[in-house]
Structure formats: structure tokens, C-alpha cells
């Protein structure tokens, strides 16, 4: 929860799906408050870019 949206509770769902020798990921971040949505979007994007770099090295 964010200080500017104390009554907003969001939920993250991650589903990992086998795909031959790889794994697909379905990701959903639900019930995001309007004031904090841009922070979550940027944070998740940066996190997934870092994970991609780690797993492709």
C-alpha cells in the first residue's frame, strides 16, 4: 500500500507455464490505485528488464 492511497490493496498473480525447454510467465497486478499506477508500471517494467538480463546472460 502507498501512503497516498492507504485504502487500496492490490494483488499480484504470477502463473508459470512450461513451454518446451522454456517457461512462459503470465503476470497480472490487479486493483492498482489510480495515483500509484504509474509507479507500479515503471517498477515492474524495470524489474522484468533486469530479470531478462539475468536469465539471458
PDB file of N, CA and C in Angstrom:
ATOM      1  N   UNK A   1       0.830  -1.185   0.000  1.00  0.00           N
ATOM      2  CA  UNK A   1       0.000   0.000   0.000  1.00  0.00           C
ATOM      3  C   UNK A   1       0.878   1.252   0.000  1.00  0.00           C
ATOM      4  N   UNK A   2       0.381   2.280  -0.631  1.00  0.00           N
ATOM      5  CA  UNK A   2       1.067   3.559  -0.689  1.00  0.00           C
ATOM      6  C   UNK A   2       0.461   4.506   0.335  1.00  0.00           C
ATOM      7  N   UNK A   3       1.279   5.413   0.848  1.00  0.00           N
ATOM      8  CA  UNK A   3       0.791   6.388   1.823  1.00  0.00           C
ATOM      9  C   UNK A   3      -0.337   7.247   1.261  1.00  0.00           C
ATOM     10  N   UNK A   4      -0.243   7.570  -0.031  1.00  0.00           N
ATOM     11  CA  UNK A   4      -1.272   8.431  -0.625  1.00  0.00           C
ATOM     12  C   UNK A   4      -2.542   7.663  -1.010  1.00  0.00           C
ATOM     13  N   UNK A   5      -2.526   6.347  -0.864  1.00  0.00           N
ATOM     14  CA  UNK A   5      -3.707   5.518  -1.133  1.00  0.00           C
ATOM     15  C   UNK A   5      -3.817   4.412  -0.073  1.00  0.00           C
ATOM     16  N   UNK A   6      -4.037   4.781   1.171  1.00  0.00           N
ATOM     17  CA  UNK A   6      -3.999   3.778   2.247  1.00  0.00           C
ATOM     18  C   UNK A   6      -5.103   2.729   2.172  1.00  0.00           C
ATOM     19  N   UNK A   7      -6.191   2.995   1.488  1.00  0.00           N
ATOM     20  CA  UNK A   7      -7.293   2.037   1.420  1.00  0.00           C
ATOM     21  C   UNK A   7      -7.243   1.140   0.186  1.00  0.00           C
ATOM     22  N   UNK A   8      -6.207   1.283  -0.630  1.00  0.00           N
ATOM     23  CA  UNK A   8      -6.089   0.485  -1.847  1.00  0.00           C
ATOM     24  C   UNK A   8      -5.200  -0.721  -1.563  1.00  0.00           C
ATOM     25  N   UNK A   9      -5.732  -1.903  -1.832  1.00  0.00           N
ATOM     26  CA  UNK A   9      -4.965  -3.138  -1.666  1.00  0.00           C
ATOM     27  C   UNK A   9      -4.904  -3.823  -3.019  1.00  0.00           C
ATOM     28  N   UNK A  10      -3.697  -3.946  -3.569  1.00  0.00           N
ATOM     29  CA  UNK A  10      -3.549  -4.569  -4.882  1.00  0.00           C
ATOM     30  C   UNK A  10      -3.083  -6.011  -4.715  1.00  0.00           C
ATOM     31  N   UNK A  11      -3.245  -6.774  -5.801  1.00  0.00           N
ATOM     32  CA  UNK A  11      -2.897  -8.186  -5.792  1.00  0.00           C
ATOM     33  C   UNK A  11      -2.058  -8.521  -7.016  1.00  0.00           C
ATOM     34  N   UNK A  12      -1.025  -9.336  -6.809  1.00  0.00           N
ATOM     35  CA  UNK A  12      -0.167  -9.782  -7.903  1.00  0.00           C
ATOM     36  C   UNK A  12      -0.379 -11.280  -8.095  1.00  0.00           C
ATOM     37  N   UNK A  13      -0.626 -11.669  -9.347  1.00  0.00           N
ATOM     38  CA  UNK A  13      -0.766 -13.078  -9.697  1.00  0.00           C
ATOM     39  C   UNK A  13       0.279 -13.409 -10.750  1.00  0.00           C
ATOM     40  N   UNK A  14       1.037 -14.454 -10.499  1.00  0.00           N
ATOM     41  CA  UNK A  14       2.048 -14.923 -11.454  1.00  0.00           C
ATOM     42  C   UNK A  14       1.786 -16.395 -11.718  1.00  0.00           C
ATOM     43  N   UNK A  15       1.657 -16.742 -12.993  1.00  0.00           N
ATOM     44  CA  UNK A  15       1.467 -18.129 -13.398  1.00  0.00           C
ATOM     45  C   UNK A  15       2.632 -18.500 -14.305  1.00  0.00           C
ATOM     46  N   UNK A  16       3.334 -19.579 -13.960  1.00  0.00           N
ATOM     47  CA  UNK A  16       4.444 -20.069 -14.774  1.00  0.00           C
ATOM     48  C   UNK A  16       3.960 -21.271 -15.574  1.00  0.00           C
ATOM     49  N   UNK A  17       4.217 -21.241 -16.892  1.00  0.00           N
ATOM     50  CA  UNK A  17       3.687 -22.253 -17.806  1.00  0.00           C
ATOM     51  C   UNK A  17       4.849 -22.899 -18.562  1.00  0.00           C
ATOM     52  N   UNK A  18       5.016 -24.228 -18.434  1.00  0.00           N
ATOM     53  CA  UNK A  18       6.069 -24.898 -19.209  1.00  0.00           C
ATOM     54  C   UNK A  18       5.818 -24.723 -20.704  1.00  0.00           C
ATOM     55  N   UNK A  19       6.900 -24.488 -21.443  1.00  0.00           N
ATOM     56  CA  UNK A  19       6.812 -24.303 -22.891  1.00  0.00           C
ATOM     57  C   UNK A  19       8.079 -24.868 -23.513  1.00  0.00           C
ATOM     58  N   UNK A  20       8.032 -26.147 -23.865  1.00  0.00           N
ATOM     59  CA  UNK A  20       9.209 -26.865 -24.349  1.00  0.00           C
ATOM     60  C   UNK A  20      10.328 -26.740 -23.316  1.00  0.00           C
ATOM     61  N   UNK A  21      11.464 -26.192 -23.718  1.00  0.00           N
ATOM     62  CA  UNK A  21      12.583 -26.041 -22.778  1.00  0.00           C
ATOM     63  C   UNK A  21      12.561 -24.687 -22.071  1.00  0.00           C
ATOM     64  N   UNK A  22      11.523 -23.929 -22.260  1.00  0.00           N
ATOM     65  CA  UNK A  22      11.397 -22.600 -21.676  1.00  0.00           C
ATOM     66  C   UNK A  22      10.211 -22.555 -20.716  1.00  0.00           C
ATOM     67  N   UNK A  23      10.005 -21.409 -20.126  1.00  0.00           N
ATOM     68  CA  UNK A  23       8.863 -21.172 -19.256  1.00  0.00           C
ATOM     69  C   UNK A  23       8.257 -19.825 -19.616  1.00  0.00           C
ATOM     70  N   UNK A  24       6.948 -19.821 -19.817  1.00  0.00           N
ATOM     71  CA  UNK A  24       6.227 -18.576 -20.056  1.00  0.00           C
ATOM     72  C   UNK A  24       5.689 -18.082 -18.723  1.00  0.00           C
ATOM     73  N   UNK A  25       5.593 -16.770 -18.600  1.00  0.00           N
ATOM     74  CA  UNK A  25       5.047 -16.201 -17.385  1.00  0.00           C
ATOM     75  C   UNK A  25       3.857 -15.322 -17.728  1.00  0.00           C
ATOM     76  N   UNK A  26       2.740 -15.567 -17.048  1.00  0.00           N
ATOM     77  CA  UNK A  26       1.586 -14.671 -17.118  1.00  0.00           C
ATOM     78  C   UNK A  26       1.603 -13.860 -15.841  1.00  0.00           C
ATOM     79  N   UNK A  27       1.496 -12.558 -15.977  1.00  0.00           N
ATOM     80  CA  UNK A  27       1.619 -11.655 -14.842  1.00  0.00           C
ATOM     81  C   UNK A  27       0.430 -10.708 -14.824  1.00  0.00           C
ATOM     82  N   UNK A  28      -0.162 -10.547 -13.652  1.00  0.00           N
ATOM     83  CA  UNK A  28      -1.252  -9.577 -13.503  1.00  0.00           C
ATOM     84  C   UNK A  28      -1.103  -8.869 -12.158  1.00  0.00           C
ATOM     85  N   UNK A  29      -1.194  -7.559 -12.186  1.00  0.00           N
ATOM     86  CA  UNK A  29      -1.218  -6.749 -10.968  1.00  0.00           C
ATOM     87  C   UNK A  29      -2.570  -6.051 -10.962  1.00  0.00           C
ATOM     88  N   UNK A  30      -3.465  -6.534 -10.112  1.00  0.00           N
ATOM     89  CA  UNK A  30      -4.854  -6.083 -10.120  1.00  0.00           C
ATOM     90  C   UNK A  30      -5.154  -5.150  -8.955  1.00  0.00           C
ATOM     91  N   UNK A  31      -6.194  -4.372  -9.122  1.00  0.00           N
ATOM     92  CA  UNK A  31      -6.693  -3.445  -8.098  1.00  0.00           C
ATOM     93  C   UNK A  31      -5.659  -2.381  -7.735  1.00  0.00           C
ATOM     94  N   UNK A  32      -4.953  -1.913  -8.735  1.00  0.00           N
ATOM     95  CA  UNK A  32      -3.954  -0.862  -8.533  1.00  0.00           C
ATOM     96  C   UNK A  32      -4.673   0.479  -8.422  1.00  0.00           C
ATOM     97  N   UNK A  33      -4.302   1.271  -7.448  1.00  0.00           N
ATOM     98  CA  UNK A  33      -4.905   2.591  -7.294  1.00  0.00           C
ATOM     99  C   UNK A  33      -4.461   3.534  -8.398  1.00  0.00           C
ATOM    100  N   UNK A  34      -5.308   4.484  -8.725  1.00  0.00           N
ATOM    101  CA  UNK A  34      -5.036   5.419  -9.817  1.00  0.00           C
ATOM    102  C   UNK A  34      -3.762   6.237  -9.567  1.00  0.00           C
ATOM    103  N   UNK A  35      -3.586   6.746  -8.353  1.00  0.00           N
ATOM    104  CA  UNK A  35      -2.447   7.625  -8.061  1.00  0.00           C
ATOM    105  C   UNK A  35      -1.103   6.893  -8.089  1.00  0.00           C
ATOM    106  N   UNK A  36      -1.116   5.584  -7.863  1.00  0.00           N
ATOM    107  CA  UNK A  36       0.147   4.849  -7.811  1.00  0.00           C
ATOM    108  C   UNK A  36       0.393   3.985  -9.039  1.00  0.00           C
ATOM    109  N   UNK A  37      -0.531   3.940  -9.978  1.00  0.00           N
ATOM    110  CA  UNK A  37      -0.402   3.046 -11.138  1.00  0.00           C
ATOM    111  C   UNK A  37       0.877   3.308 -11.919  1.00  0.00           C
ATOM    112  N   UNK A  38       1.246   4.565 -12.127  1.00  0.00           N
ATOM    113  CA  UNK A  38       2.458   4.857 -12.905  1.00  0.00           C
ATOM    114  C   UNK A  38       3.710   4.346 -12.194  1.00  0.00           C
ATOM    115  N   UNK A  39       3.733   4.371 -10.863  1.00  0.00           N
ATOM    116  CA  UNK A  39       4.890   3.858 -10.119  1.00  0.00           C
ATOM    117  C   UNK A  39       5.013   2.345 -10.272  1.00  0.00           C
ATOM    118  N   UNK A  40       3.877   1.650 -10.187  1.00  0.00           N
ATOM    119  CA  UNK A  40       3.903   0.201 -10.356  1.00  0.00           C
ATOM    120  C   UNK A  40       4.341  -0.170 -11.765  1.00  0.00           C
ATOM    121  N   UNK A  41       3.784   0.516 -12.751  1.00  0.00           N
ATOM    122  CA  UNK A  41       4.117   0.194 -14.143  1.00  0.00           C
ATOM    123  C   UNK A  41       5.618   0.336 -14.387  1.00  0.00           C
ATOM    124  N   UNK A  42       6.178   1.432 -13.955  1.00  0.00           N
ATOM    125  CA  UNK A  42       7.619   1.643 -14.149  1.00  0.00           C
ATOM    126  C   UNK A  42       8.438   0.627 -13.363  1.00  0.00           C
ATOM    127  N   UNK A  43       8.034   0.369 -12.136  1.00  0.00           N
ATOM    128  CA  UNK A  43       8.767  -0.583 -11.299  1.00  0.00           C
ATOM    129  C   UNK A  43       8.767  -1.985 -11.860  1.00  0.00           C
ATOM    130  N   UNK A  44       7.598  -2.462 -12.302  1.00  0.00           N
ATOM    131  CA  UNK A  44       7.530  -3.800 -12.868  1.00  0.00           C
ATOM    132  C   UNK A  44       8.308  -3.887 -14.172  1.00  0.00           C
ATOM    133  N   UNK A  45       8.191  -2.857 -15.015  1.00  0.00           N
ATOM    134  CA  UNK A  45       8.934  -2.864 -16.287  1.00  0.00           C
ATOM    135  C   UNK A  45      10.439  -2.964 -16.026  1.00  0.00           C
ATOM    136  N   UNK A  46      10.940  -2.158 -15.099  1.00  0.00           N
ATOM    137  CA  UNK A  46      12.366  -2.197 -14.773  1.00  0.00           C
ATOM    138  C   UNK A  46      12.771  -3.548 -14.190  1.00  0.00           C
ATOM    139  N   UNK A  47      11.915  -4.119 -13.359  1.00  0.00           N
ATOM    140  CA  UNK A  47      12.198  -5.421 -12.759  1.00  0.00           C
ATOM    141  C   UNK A  47      12.279  -6.506 -13.816  1.00  0.00           C
ATOM    142  N   UNK A  48      11.325  -6.508 -14.763  1.00  0.00           N
ATOM    143  CA  UNK A  48      11.339  -7.539 -15.807  1.00  0.00           C
ATOM    144  C   UNK A  48      12.529  -7.371 -16.749  1.00  0.00           C
ATOM    145  N   UNK A  49      12.941  -6.151 -17.000  1.00  0.00           N
ATOM    146  CA  UNK A  49      14.141  -5.937 -17.818  1.00  0.00           C
ATOM    147  C   UNK A  49      15.377  -6.483 -17.113  1.00  0.00           C
ATOM    148  N   UNK A  50      15.474  -6.284 -15.816  1.00  0.00           N
ATOM    149  CA  UNK A  50      16.602  -6.825 -15.042  1.00  0.00           C
ATOM    150  C   UNK A  50      16.582  -8.347 -15.058  1.00  0.00           C
ATOM    151  N   UNK A  51      15.402  -8.936 -14.856  1.00  0.00           N
ATOM    152  CA  UNK A  51      15.301 -10.403 -14.895  1.00  0.00           C
ATOM    153  C   UNK A  51      15.692 -10.941 -16.265  1.00  0.00           C
ATOM    154  N   UNK A  52      15.282 -10.275 -17.311  1.00  0.00           N
ATOM    155  CA  UNK A  52      15.642 -10.706 -18.664  1.00  0.00           C
ATOM    156  C   UNK A  52      17.150 -10.701 -18.842  1.00  0.00           C
ATOM    157  N   UNK A  53      17.806  -9.656 -18.356  1.00  0.00           N
ATOM    158  CA  UNK A  53      19.273  -9.594 -18.458  1.00  0.00           C
ATOM    159  C   UNK A  53      19.927 -10.733 -17.675  1.00  0.00           C
ATOM    160  N   UNK A  54      19.406 -11.015 -16.481  1.00  0.00           N
ATOM    161  CA  UNK A  54      19.979 -12.075 -15.653  1.00  0.00           C
ATOM    162  C   UNK A  54      19.839 -13.432 -16.330  1.00  0.00           C
ATOM    163  N   UNK A  55      18.654 -13.731 -16.862  1.00  0.00           N
ATOM    164  CA  UNK A  55      18.385 -15.043 -17.411  1.00  0.00           C
ATOM    165  C   UNK A  55      18.934 -15.250 -18.822  1.00  0.00           C
ATOM    166  N   UNK A  56      19.326 -14.200 -19.498  1.00  0.00           N
ATOM    167  CA  UNK A  56      19.853 -14.358 -20.858  1.00  0.00           C
ATOM    168  C   UNK A  56      21.359 -14.225 -20.937  1.00  0.00           C
ATOM    169  N   UNK A  57      21.993 -14.014 -19.800  1.00  0.00           N
ATOM    170  CA  UNK A  57      23.467 -13.907 -19.818  1.00  0.00           C
ATOM    171  C   UNK A  57      24.107 -15.258 -19.895  1.00  0.00           C
TER     172      UNK A  57
END
